[in-house]
Amino acid sequence: MSRIRTIDVQEGSAYVTSILKEIHQAFGYVPHLFSTYAHHPPLLEANWNKVKRVMMEGDLSRKTKEAIALLVSQDNGCNYCVAAHTGALQMIGLSDEEIEKISSQLDAADFSELERSLIRFARKANSDPHRVSDEEFQALKATGATDAQIVEALGVMEVFTAFNKFLDVLQVDLG
């Protein structure tokens, strides 16, 4: 059970309501992550804007970004985000079998070598950032990864590492 209550669209200020309505329009519902952030409207707005820019724009495919979000969340033990991004991968058309490959056999999943390399790099950056070697970085660049793609993959990792911690400490329910 969540440690703090969520804010419903109807009970927020006009400012909060407009943001939550935009989120509802994007997802078809308001994830409890955002209705919890609604307690501090500037943070709600900042995080929603970050999700839009990181997850819905850029060079990397939505599938690659959702895989990073899923695996980083899995590595961090965030059940909320694991469930949410499993659902997001299903919504973009992946089967349960393909999602299982992403979770347990990344090499067997349907990604290019570049995408797999970016996913692995983001996971390593999440789990052991001080031990990313120059050799690993050069190997990533050798797959053709651009600086922009590397920053984008790390941006996804960054967003979900923060969300994982926020959701876990507050024990936010998936809802």
N, C-alpha and C. Protein backbone atom coordinates (compact mmCIF):
# COMPACT_ATOMS: atom_id res chain seq x y z
N MET A 1 0.84 -1.18 0.00
CA MET A 1 0.00 0.00 0.00
C MET A 1 0.89 1.24 0.00
N SER A 2 0.49 2.20 -0.80
CA SER A 2 1.26 3.43 -0.95
C SER A 2 1.34 4.19 0.37
N ARG A 3 2.49 4.78 0.62
CA ARG A 3 2.70 5.53 1.85
C ARG A 3 2.02 6.90 1.82
N ILE A 4 1.80 7.43 0.63
CA ILE A 4 1.03 8.68 0.51
C ILE A 4 -0.01 8.50 -0.58
N ARG A 5 -1.07 9.24 -0.47
CA ARG A 5 -2.17 9.07 -1.42
C ARG A 5 -1.85 9.75 -2.75
N THR A 6 -2.51 9.31 -3.76
CA THR A 6 -2.38 9.95 -5.07
C THR A 6 -3.38 11.10 -5.15
N ILE A 7 -3.10 12.01 -6.05
CA ILE A 7 -3.98 13.16 -6.30
C ILE A 7 -4.83 12.83 -7.53
N ASP A 8 -6.12 12.89 -7.38
CA ASP A 8 -7.03 12.62 -8.49
C ASP A 8 -7.12 13.85 -9.40
N VAL A 9 -7.38 13.61 -10.67
CA VAL A 9 -7.46 14.71 -11.65
C VAL A 9 -8.44 15.79 -11.18
N GLN A 10 -9.57 15.40 -10.65
CA GLN A 10 -10.60 16.37 -10.26
C GLN A 10 -10.23 17.17 -9.02
N GLU A 11 -9.31 16.69 -8.19
CA GLU A 11 -9.02 17.40 -6.95
C GLU A 11 -7.81 18.32 -7.02
N GLY A 12 -7.07 18.26 -8.10
CA GLY A 12 -5.89 19.10 -8.22
C GLY A 12 -6.23 20.52 -8.64
N SER A 13 -5.26 21.39 -8.52
CA SER A 13 -5.43 22.76 -9.01
C SER A 13 -5.60 22.71 -10.53
N ALA A 14 -5.96 23.83 -11.10
CA ALA A 14 -6.10 23.89 -12.56
C ALA A 14 -4.78 23.51 -13.24
N TYR A 15 -3.68 23.93 -12.67
CA TYR A 15 -2.34 23.63 -13.17
C TYR A 15 -2.09 22.12 -13.15
N VAL A 16 -2.34 21.48 -12.02
CA VAL A 16 -2.15 20.03 -11.88
C VAL A 16 -3.12 19.29 -12.79
N THR A 17 -4.37 19.71 -12.81
CA THR A 17 -5.38 19.05 -13.63
C THR A 17 -4.99 19.08 -15.11
N SER A 18 -4.47 20.19 -15.58
CA SER A 18 -4.09 20.27 -16.99
C SER A 18 -2.95 19.29 -17.32
N ILE A 19 -2.00 19.15 -16.41
CA ILE A 19 -0.89 18.22 -16.63
C ILE A 19 -1.40 16.78 -16.58
N LEU A 20 -2.22 16.46 -15.58
CA LEU A 20 -2.74 15.10 -15.45
C LEU A 20 -3.63 14.74 -16.63
N LYS A 21 -4.39 15.69 -17.15
CA LYS A 21 -5.21 15.42 -18.34
C LYS A 21 -4.34 15.13 -19.56
N GLU A 22 -3.23 15.85 -19.68
CA GLU A 22 -2.30 15.59 -20.79
C GLU A 22 -1.70 14.19 -20.66
N ILE A 23 -1.35 13.81 -19.45
CA ILE A 23 -0.81 12.47 -19.20
C ILE A 23 -1.86 11.42 -19.54
N HIS A 24 -3.10 11.66 -19.12
CA HIS A 24 -4.19 10.73 -19.43
C HIS A 24 -4.37 10.59 -20.93
N GLN A 25 -4.28 11.68 -21.63
CA GLN A 25 -4.42 11.65 -23.09
C GLN A 25 -3.29 10.82 -23.73
N ALA A 26 -2.10 10.91 -23.18
CA ALA A 26 -0.96 10.18 -23.73
C ALA A 26 -1.03 8.69 -23.46
N PHE A 27 -1.49 8.30 -22.28
CA PHE A 27 -1.46 6.89 -21.87
C PHE A 27 -2.83 6.22 -21.80
N GLY A 28 -3.89 7.02 -21.79
CA GLY A 28 -5.22 6.45 -21.61
C GLY A 28 -5.60 6.32 -20.14
N TYR A 29 -4.72 6.70 -19.27
CA TYR A 29 -4.92 6.71 -17.82
C TYR A 29 -3.79 7.53 -17.22
N VAL A 30 -3.87 7.82 -15.92
CA VAL A 30 -2.80 8.54 -15.24
C VAL A 30 -2.07 7.56 -14.33
N PRO A 31 -0.84 7.19 -14.69
CA PRO A 31 -0.07 6.31 -13.81
C PRO A 31 0.08 6.92 -12.41
N HIS A 32 0.02 6.07 -11.40
CA HIS A 32 0.14 6.56 -10.02
C HIS A 32 1.45 7.30 -9.77
N LEU A 33 2.48 6.99 -10.54
CA LEU A 33 3.73 7.75 -10.44
C LEU A 33 3.43 9.25 -10.54
N PHE A 34 2.68 9.63 -11.57
CA PHE A 34 2.42 11.05 -11.80
C PHE A 34 1.40 11.62 -10.82
N SER A 35 0.39 10.83 -10.46
CA SER A 35 -0.59 11.37 -9.50
C SER A 35 0.00 11.46 -8.10
N THR A 36 1.13 10.80 -7.86
CA THR A 36 1.87 10.99 -6.61
C THR A 36 2.74 12.25 -6.71
N TYR A 37 3.41 12.43 -7.85
CA TYR A 37 4.19 13.65 -8.06
C TYR A 37 3.32 14.90 -7.98
N ALA A 38 2.01 14.76 -8.19
CA ALA A 38 1.10 15.91 -8.18
C ALA A 38 1.08 16.63 -6.83
N HIS A 39 1.58 16.00 -5.78
CA HIS A 39 1.68 16.70 -4.49
C HIS A 39 2.65 17.88 -4.57
N HIS A 40 3.57 17.83 -5.52
CA HIS A 40 4.51 18.94 -5.73
C HIS A 40 4.46 19.28 -7.23
N PRO A 41 3.54 20.15 -7.62
CA PRO A 41 3.28 20.41 -9.04
C PRO A 41 4.51 20.73 -9.89
N PRO A 42 5.49 21.50 -9.41
CA PRO A 42 6.66 21.74 -10.26
C PRO A 42 7.41 20.44 -10.61
N LEU A 43 7.46 19.51 -9.67
CA LEU A 43 8.12 18.24 -9.93
C LEU A 43 7.29 17.39 -10.88
N LEU A 44 5.98 17.42 -10.73
CA LEU A 44 5.08 16.73 -11.67
C LEU A 44 5.35 17.24 -13.09
N GLU A 45 5.34 18.55 -13.25
CA GLU A 45 5.55 19.13 -14.58
C GLU A 45 6.93 18.78 -15.13
N ALA A 46 7.96 18.92 -14.30
CA ALA A 46 9.32 18.63 -14.76
C ALA A 46 9.47 17.18 -15.18
N ASN A 47 8.93 16.26 -14.38
CA ASN A 47 9.08 14.85 -14.72
C ASN A 47 8.23 14.45 -15.92
N TRP A 48 7.05 15.02 -16.06
CA TRP A 48 6.24 14.73 -17.23
C TRP A 48 6.95 15.25 -18.49
N ASN A 49 7.47 16.46 -18.42
CA ASN A 49 8.21 17.00 -19.56
C ASN A 49 9.43 16.13 -19.89
N LYS A 50 10.10 15.64 -18.87
CA LYS A 50 11.26 14.79 -19.10
C LYS A 50 10.85 13.47 -19.76
N VAL A 51 9.77 12.87 -19.30
CA VAL A 51 9.28 11.63 -19.91
C VAL A 51 8.94 11.88 -21.38
N LYS A 52 8.24 12.95 -21.66
CA LYS A 52 7.88 13.25 -23.05
C LYS A 52 9.12 13.38 -23.92
N ARG A 53 10.10 14.13 -23.43
CA ARG A 53 11.30 14.40 -24.23
C ARG A 53 12.18 13.16 -24.37
N VAL A 54 12.32 12.40 -23.28
CA VAL A 54 13.22 11.25 -23.30
C VAL A 54 12.57 10.04 -23.96
N MET A 55 11.32 9.76 -23.63
CA MET A 55 10.70 8.52 -24.12
C MET A 55 9.98 8.68 -25.45
N MET A 56 9.57 9.88 -25.81
CA MET A 56 8.74 10.06 -26.99
C MET A 56 9.44 10.82 -28.11
N GLU A 57 10.68 11.20 -27.89
CA GLU A 57 11.45 11.91 -28.91
C GLU A 57 12.82 11.26 -29.01
N GLY A 58 13.60 11.65 -30.02
CA GLY A 58 14.97 11.17 -30.14
C GLY A 58 15.15 10.14 -31.23
N ASP A 59 16.39 9.63 -31.32
CA ASP A 59 16.77 8.67 -32.36
C ASP A 59 16.43 7.23 -32.02
N LEU A 60 16.49 6.89 -30.75
CA LEU A 60 16.29 5.49 -30.37
C LEU A 60 14.81 5.12 -30.47
N SER A 61 14.56 3.88 -30.84
CA SER A 61 13.18 3.42 -30.96
C SER A 61 12.52 3.35 -29.58
N ARG A 62 11.22 3.44 -29.59
CA ARG A 62 10.47 3.31 -28.33
C ARG A 62 10.74 1.94 -27.71
N LYS A 63 10.85 0.92 -28.54
CA LYS A 63 11.13 -0.43 -28.05
C LYS A 63 12.46 -0.47 -27.30
N THR A 64 13.49 0.14 -27.85
CA THR A 64 14.80 0.17 -27.20
C THR A 64 14.71 0.91 -25.87
N LYS A 65 14.02 2.04 -25.86
CA LYS A 65 13.89 2.82 -24.64
C LYS A 65 13.09 2.07 -23.58
N GLU A 66 12.01 1.42 -23.99
CA GLU A 66 11.20 0.65 -23.03
C GLU A 66 12.01 -0.53 -22.49
N ALA A 67 12.85 -1.13 -23.34
CA ALA A 67 13.71 -2.23 -22.88
C ALA A 67 14.70 -1.72 -21.83
N ILE A 68 15.28 -0.56 -22.07
CA ILE A 68 16.19 0.02 -21.07
C ILE A 68 15.42 0.29 -19.78
N ALA A 69 14.25 0.89 -19.88
CA ALA A 69 13.44 1.18 -18.68
C ALA A 69 13.11 -0.11 -17.94
N LEU A 70 12.72 -1.14 -18.66
CA LEU A 70 12.38 -2.42 -18.05
C LEU A 70 13.58 -3.03 -17.35
N LEU A 71 14.72 -3.10 -18.04
CA LEU A 71 15.88 -3.79 -17.49
C LEU A 71 16.54 -3.01 -16.34
N VAL A 72 16.60 -1.70 -16.46
CA VAL A 72 17.13 -0.90 -15.35
C VAL A 72 16.24 -1.07 -14.13
N SER A 73 14.94 -1.05 -14.34
CA SER A 73 14.00 -1.22 -13.24
C SER A 73 14.09 -2.62 -12.65
N GLN A 74 14.28 -3.60 -13.51
CA GLN A 74 14.47 -4.98 -13.05
C GLN A 74 15.75 -5.07 -12.20
N ASP A 75 16.83 -4.49 -12.72
CA ASP A 75 18.10 -4.49 -11.98
C ASP A 75 17.98 -3.79 -10.64
N ASN A 76 17.15 -2.73 -10.58
CA ASN A 76 16.97 -1.96 -9.35
C ASN A 76 15.90 -2.55 -8.44
N GLY A 77 15.20 -3.59 -8.91
CA GLY A 77 14.18 -4.24 -8.09
C GLY A 77 12.91 -3.44 -7.93
N CYS A 78 12.58 -2.59 -8.90
CA CYS A 78 11.37 -1.77 -8.82
C CYS A 78 10.21 -2.50 -9.51
N ASN A 79 9.39 -3.16 -8.71
CA ASN A 79 8.27 -3.93 -9.26
C ASN A 79 7.28 -3.06 -10.03
N TYR A 80 7.03 -1.85 -9.55
CA TYR A 80 6.11 -0.93 -10.23
C TYR A 80 6.58 -0.70 -11.67
N CYS A 81 7.85 -0.31 -11.84
CA CYS A 81 8.35 0.01 -13.18
C CYS A 81 8.51 -1.23 -14.05
N VAL A 82 8.85 -2.37 -13.45
CA VAL A 82 8.92 -3.60 -14.23
C VAL A 82 7.54 -3.90 -14.82
N ALA A 83 6.52 -3.82 -13.99
CA ALA A 83 5.16 -4.07 -14.49
C ALA A 83 4.73 -3.01 -15.51
N ALA A 84 5.03 -1.76 -15.23
CA ALA A 84 4.62 -0.68 -16.13
C ALA A 84 5.29 -0.81 -17.50
N HIS A 85 6.56 -1.16 -17.52
CA HIS A 85 7.26 -1.21 -18.81
C HIS A 85 7.10 -2.54 -19.52
N THR A 86 6.74 -3.56 -18.79
CA THR A 86 6.28 -4.79 -19.44
C THR A 86 4.99 -4.46 -20.18
N GLY A 87 4.09 -3.76 -19.52
CA GLY A 87 2.84 -3.33 -20.15
C GLY A 87 3.07 -2.41 -21.34
N ALA A 88 4.02 -1.51 -21.22
CA ALA A 88 4.32 -0.60 -22.34
C ALA A 88 4.85 -1.38 -23.55
N LEU A 89 5.69 -2.37 -23.30
CA LEU A 89 6.20 -3.20 -24.41
C LEU A 89 5.06 -3.99 -25.04
N GLN A 90 4.13 -4.46 -24.24
CA GLN A 90 2.96 -5.15 -24.79
C GLN A 90 2.12 -4.19 -25.63
N MET A 91 1.96 -2.97 -25.15
CA MET A 91 1.16 -1.98 -25.87
C MET A 91 1.75 -1.63 -27.23
N ILE A 92 3.07 -1.72 -27.36
CA ILE A 92 3.67 -1.42 -28.67
C ILE A 92 3.80 -2.68 -29.53
N GLY A 93 3.19 -3.78 -29.06
CA GLY A 93 3.06 -4.96 -29.90
C GLY A 93 3.98 -6.14 -29.62
N LEU A 94 4.75 -6.11 -28.55
CA LEU A 94 5.62 -7.24 -28.26
C LEU A 94 4.86 -8.34 -27.54
N SER A 95 5.19 -9.56 -27.89
CA SER A 95 4.58 -10.72 -27.24
C SER A 95 5.24 -10.95 -25.89
N ASP A 96 4.58 -11.74 -25.06
CA ASP A 96 5.16 -12.11 -23.77
C ASP A 96 6.48 -12.84 -23.97
N GLU A 97 6.56 -13.65 -25.02
CA GLU A 97 7.79 -14.39 -25.32
C GLU A 97 8.95 -13.43 -25.64
N GLU A 98 8.67 -12.41 -26.44
CA GLU A 98 9.71 -11.45 -26.79
C GLU A 98 10.14 -10.63 -25.56
N ILE A 99 9.20 -10.27 -24.72
CA ILE A 99 9.53 -9.53 -23.50
C ILE A 99 10.38 -10.39 -22.59
N GLU A 100 10.07 -11.67 -22.50
CA GLU A 100 10.87 -12.59 -21.69
C GLU A 100 12.29 -12.67 -22.23
N LYS A 101 12.45 -12.66 -23.55
CA LYS A 101 13.79 -12.66 -24.14
C LYS A 101 14.56 -11.40 -23.74
N ILE A 102 13.88 -10.27 -23.76
CA ILE A 102 14.53 -9.02 -23.35
C ILE A 102 15.00 -9.14 -21.91
N SER A 103 14.15 -9.70 -21.06
CA SER A 103 14.46 -9.80 -19.63
C SER A 103 15.55 -10.80 -19.30
N SER A 104 15.60 -11.90 -20.04
CA SER A 104 16.51 -12.97 -19.63
C SER A 104 17.54 -13.39 -20.66
N GLN A 105 17.32 -13.05 -21.94
CA GLN A 105 18.24 -13.44 -23.01
C GLN A 105 18.34 -12.31 -24.03
N LEU A 106 18.91 -11.21 -23.65
CA LEU A 106 18.93 -10.03 -24.52
C LEU A 106 19.50 -10.36 -25.90
N ASP A 107 20.50 -11.23 -25.97
CA ASP A 107 21.09 -11.57 -27.26
C ASP A 107 20.10 -12.25 -28.20
N ALA A 108 19.08 -12.89 -27.65
CA ALA A 108 18.08 -13.57 -28.48
C ALA A 108 16.91 -12.65 -28.84
N ALA A 109 16.85 -11.49 -28.24
CA ALA A 109 15.76 -10.54 -28.51
C ALA A 109 16.00 -9.84 -29.85
N ASP A 110 14.93 -9.35 -30.42
CA ASP A 110 14.97 -8.74 -31.75
C ASP A 110 15.43 -7.28 -31.67
N PHE A 111 16.76 -7.14 -31.54
CA PHE A 111 17.40 -5.82 -31.55
C PHE A 111 18.62 -5.91 -32.46
N SER A 112 19.01 -4.77 -33.00
CA SER A 112 20.27 -4.71 -33.73
C SER A 112 21.42 -4.78 -32.73
N GLU A 113 22.61 -5.04 -33.21
CA GLU A 113 23.77 -5.06 -32.31
C GLU A 113 23.97 -3.70 -31.66
N LEU A 114 23.73 -2.62 -32.40
CA LEU A 114 23.82 -1.28 -31.83
C LEU A 114 22.84 -1.12 -30.68
N GLU A 115 21.59 -1.52 -30.89
CA GLU A 115 20.58 -1.38 -29.84
C GLU A 115 20.95 -2.22 -28.62
N ARG A 116 21.37 -3.46 -28.84
CA ARG A 116 21.78 -4.32 -27.71
C ARG A 116 22.94 -3.70 -26.95
N SER A 117 23.89 -3.13 -27.69
CA SER A 117 25.05 -2.50 -27.05
C SER A 117 24.64 -1.30 -26.20
N LEU A 118 23.72 -0.50 -26.70
CA LEU A 118 23.24 0.66 -25.94
C LEU A 118 22.47 0.21 -24.70
N ILE A 119 21.67 -0.84 -24.83
CA ILE A 119 20.92 -1.36 -23.69
C ILE A 119 21.89 -1.88 -22.63
N ARG A 120 22.87 -2.66 -23.05
CA ARG A 120 23.86 -3.19 -22.09
C ARG A 120 24.63 -2.06 -21.41
N PHE A 121 24.99 -1.06 -22.18
CA PHE A 121 25.74 0.07 -21.65
C PHE A 121 24.92 0.82 -20.60
N ALA A 122 23.64 1.05 -20.89
CA ALA A 122 22.78 1.74 -19.93
C ALA A 122 22.64 0.93 -18.64
N ARG A 123 22.54 -0.39 -18.77
CA ARG A 123 22.45 -1.25 -17.58
C ARG A 123 23.73 -1.17 -16.75
N LYS A 124 24.87 -1.21 -17.43
CA LYS A 124 26.15 -1.14 -16.71
C LYS A 124 26.28 0.22 -16.03
N ALA A 125 25.89 1.27 -16.73
CA ALA A 125 25.96 2.62 -16.15
C ALA A 125 25.08 2.72 -14.91
N ASN A 126 23.96 2.03 -14.93
CA ASN A 126 23.07 2.02 -13.78
C ASN A 126 23.66 1.23 -12.62
N SER A 127 24.16 0.06 -12.91
CA SER A 127 24.58 -0.84 -11.83
C SER A 127 25.99 -0.59 -11.32
N ASP A 128 26.87 -0.10 -12.19
CA ASP A 128 28.27 0.04 -11.79
C ASP A 128 28.95 1.17 -12.57
N PRO A 129 28.47 2.40 -12.42
CA PRO A 129 28.95 3.50 -13.27
C PRO A 129 30.44 3.79 -13.15
N HIS A 130 31.02 3.53 -11.99
CA HIS A 130 32.44 3.83 -11.80
C HIS A 130 33.34 2.79 -12.46
N ARG A 131 32.75 1.73 -12.94
CA ARG A 131 33.54 0.67 -13.55
C ARG A 131 33.29 0.53 -15.04
N VAL A 132 32.70 1.54 -15.67
CA VAL A 132 32.59 1.54 -17.12
C VAL A 132 33.97 1.92 -17.66
N SER A 133 34.59 0.98 -18.31
CA SER A 133 35.97 1.19 -18.75
C SER A 133 36.03 1.93 -20.08
N ASP A 134 37.18 2.49 -20.37
CA ASP A 134 37.40 3.12 -21.68
C ASP A 134 37.22 2.10 -22.79
N GLU A 135 37.65 0.87 -22.55
CA GLU A 135 37.51 -0.19 -23.55
C GLU A 135 36.04 -0.48 -23.84
N GLU A 136 35.22 -0.53 -22.80
CA GLU A 136 33.78 -0.75 -23.00
C GLU A 136 33.17 0.41 -23.77
N PHE A 137 33.58 1.61 -23.44
CA PHE A 137 33.05 2.78 -24.14
C PHE A 137 33.47 2.76 -25.61
N GLN A 138 34.71 2.43 -25.87
CA GLN A 138 35.19 2.36 -27.26
C GLN A 138 34.49 1.24 -28.03
N ALA A 139 34.22 0.12 -27.37
CA ALA A 139 33.49 -0.98 -28.01
C ALA A 139 32.07 -0.53 -28.38
N LEU A 140 31.45 0.26 -27.50
CA LEU A 140 30.13 0.80 -27.81
C LEU A 140 30.21 1.71 -29.03
N LYS A 141 31.18 2.59 -29.05
CA LYS A 141 31.35 3.50 -30.20
C LYS A 141 31.62 2.70 -31.48
N ALA A 142 32.34 1.57 -31.37
CA ALA A 142 32.66 0.75 -32.54
C ALA A 142 31.41 0.12 -33.16
N THR A 143 30.31 0.00 -32.39
CA THR A 143 29.07 -0.52 -32.95
C THR A 143 28.36 0.54 -33.79
N GLY A 144 28.88 1.77 -33.77
CA GLY A 144 28.26 2.85 -34.52
C GLY A 144 27.46 3.80 -33.67
N ALA A 145 27.47 3.60 -32.36
CA ALA A 145 26.71 4.48 -31.47
C ALA A 145 27.24 5.90 -31.56
N THR A 146 26.34 6.83 -31.77
CA THR A 146 26.71 8.25 -31.79
C THR A 146 26.69 8.80 -30.37
N ASP A 147 27.31 9.93 -30.20
CA ASP A 147 27.28 10.59 -28.89
C ASP A 147 25.83 10.86 -28.48
N ALA A 148 25.01 11.29 -29.42
CA ALA A 148 23.60 11.59 -29.12
C ALA A 148 22.86 10.33 -28.68
N GLN A 149 23.10 9.22 -29.32
CA GLN A 149 22.44 7.97 -28.94
C GLN A 149 22.89 7.50 -27.55
N ILE A 150 24.15 7.66 -27.26
CA ILE A 150 24.67 7.28 -25.94
C ILE A 150 24.02 8.14 -24.86
N VAL A 151 23.96 9.44 -25.09
CA VAL A 151 23.33 10.34 -24.12
C VAL A 151 21.85 10.00 -23.99
N GLU A 152 21.19 9.70 -25.08
CA GLU A 152 19.76 9.35 -25.04
C GLU A 152 19.54 8.07 -24.22
N ALA A 153 20.34 7.04 -24.46
CA ALA A 153 20.22 5.79 -23.70
C ALA A 153 20.47 6.04 -22.22
N LEU A 154 21.48 6.83 -21.91
CA LEU A 154 21.77 7.15 -20.51
C LEU A 154 20.67 8.02 -19.91
N GLY A 155 20.04 8.85 -20.72
CA GLY A 155 18.91 9.65 -20.25
C GLY A 155 17.74 8.78 -19.82
N VAL A 156 17.47 7.72 -20.58
CA VAL A 156 16.42 6.78 -20.20
C VAL A 156 16.79 6.12 -18.86
N MET A 157 18.04 5.67 -18.77
CA MET A 157 18.51 5.05 -17.52
C MET A 157 18.35 6.02 -16.36
N GLU A 158 18.73 7.26 -16.57
CA GLU A 158 18.66 8.28 -15.52
C GLU A 158 17.23 8.49 -15.03
N VAL A 159 16.30 8.63 -15.96
CA VAL A 159 14.90 8.86 -15.61
C VAL A 159 14.38 7.71 -14.75
N PHE A 160 14.65 6.49 -15.20
CA PHE A 160 14.04 5.36 -14.50
C PHE A 160 14.77 4.99 -13.22
N THR A 161 16.03 5.29 -13.11
CA THR A 161 16.71 5.10 -11.84
C THR A 161 16.07 6.01 -10.79
N ALA A 162 15.82 7.23 -11.15
CA ALA A 162 15.17 8.16 -10.21
C ALA A 162 13.74 7.72 -9.90
N PHE A 163 12.98 7.35 -10.93
CA PHE A 163 11.61 6.90 -10.70
C PHE A 163 11.60 5.65 -9.81
N ASN A 164 12.53 4.72 -10.05
CA ASN A 164 12.59 3.50 -9.24
C ASN A 164 12.72 3.85 -7.76
N LYS A 165 13.63 4.73 -7.45
CA LYS A 165 13.86 5.09 -6.05
C LYS A 165 12.65 5.80 -5.45
N PHE A 166 12.08 6.73 -6.18
CA PHE A 166 10.90 7.48 -5.73
C PHE A 166 9.75 6.51 -5.44
N LEU A 167 9.46 5.64 -6.38
CA LEU A 167 8.34 4.72 -6.25
C LEU A 167 8.56 3.71 -5.12
N ASP A 168 9.79 3.22 -5.01
CA ASP A 168 10.07 2.22 -3.98
C ASP A 168 9.99 2.80 -2.58
N VAL A 169 10.55 3.98 -2.36
CA VAL A 169 10.54 4.54 -1.01
C VAL A 169 9.12 4.90 -0.58
N LEU A 170 8.28 5.32 -1.53
CA LEU A 170 6.90 5.67 -1.19
C LEU A 170 5.95 4.47 -1.33
N GLN A 171 6.47 3.36 -1.80
CA GLN A 171 5.68 2.13 -2.00
C GLN A 171 4.41 2.40 -2.79
N VAL A 172 4.58 3.14 -3.89
CA VAL A 172 3.45 3.51 -4.73
C VAL A 172 2.91 2.26 -5.42
N ASP A 173 1.59 2.10 -5.36
CA ASP A 173 0.92 0.98 -6.01
C ASP A 173 0.82 1.23 -7.50
N LEU A 174 0.87 0.17 -8.28
CA LEU A 174 0.73 0.29 -9.73
C LEU A 174 -0.65 0.83 -10.08
N GLY A 175 -1.65 0.39 -9.38
CA GLY A 175 -3.01 0.92 -9.57
C GLY A 175 -3.74 0.48 -10.76
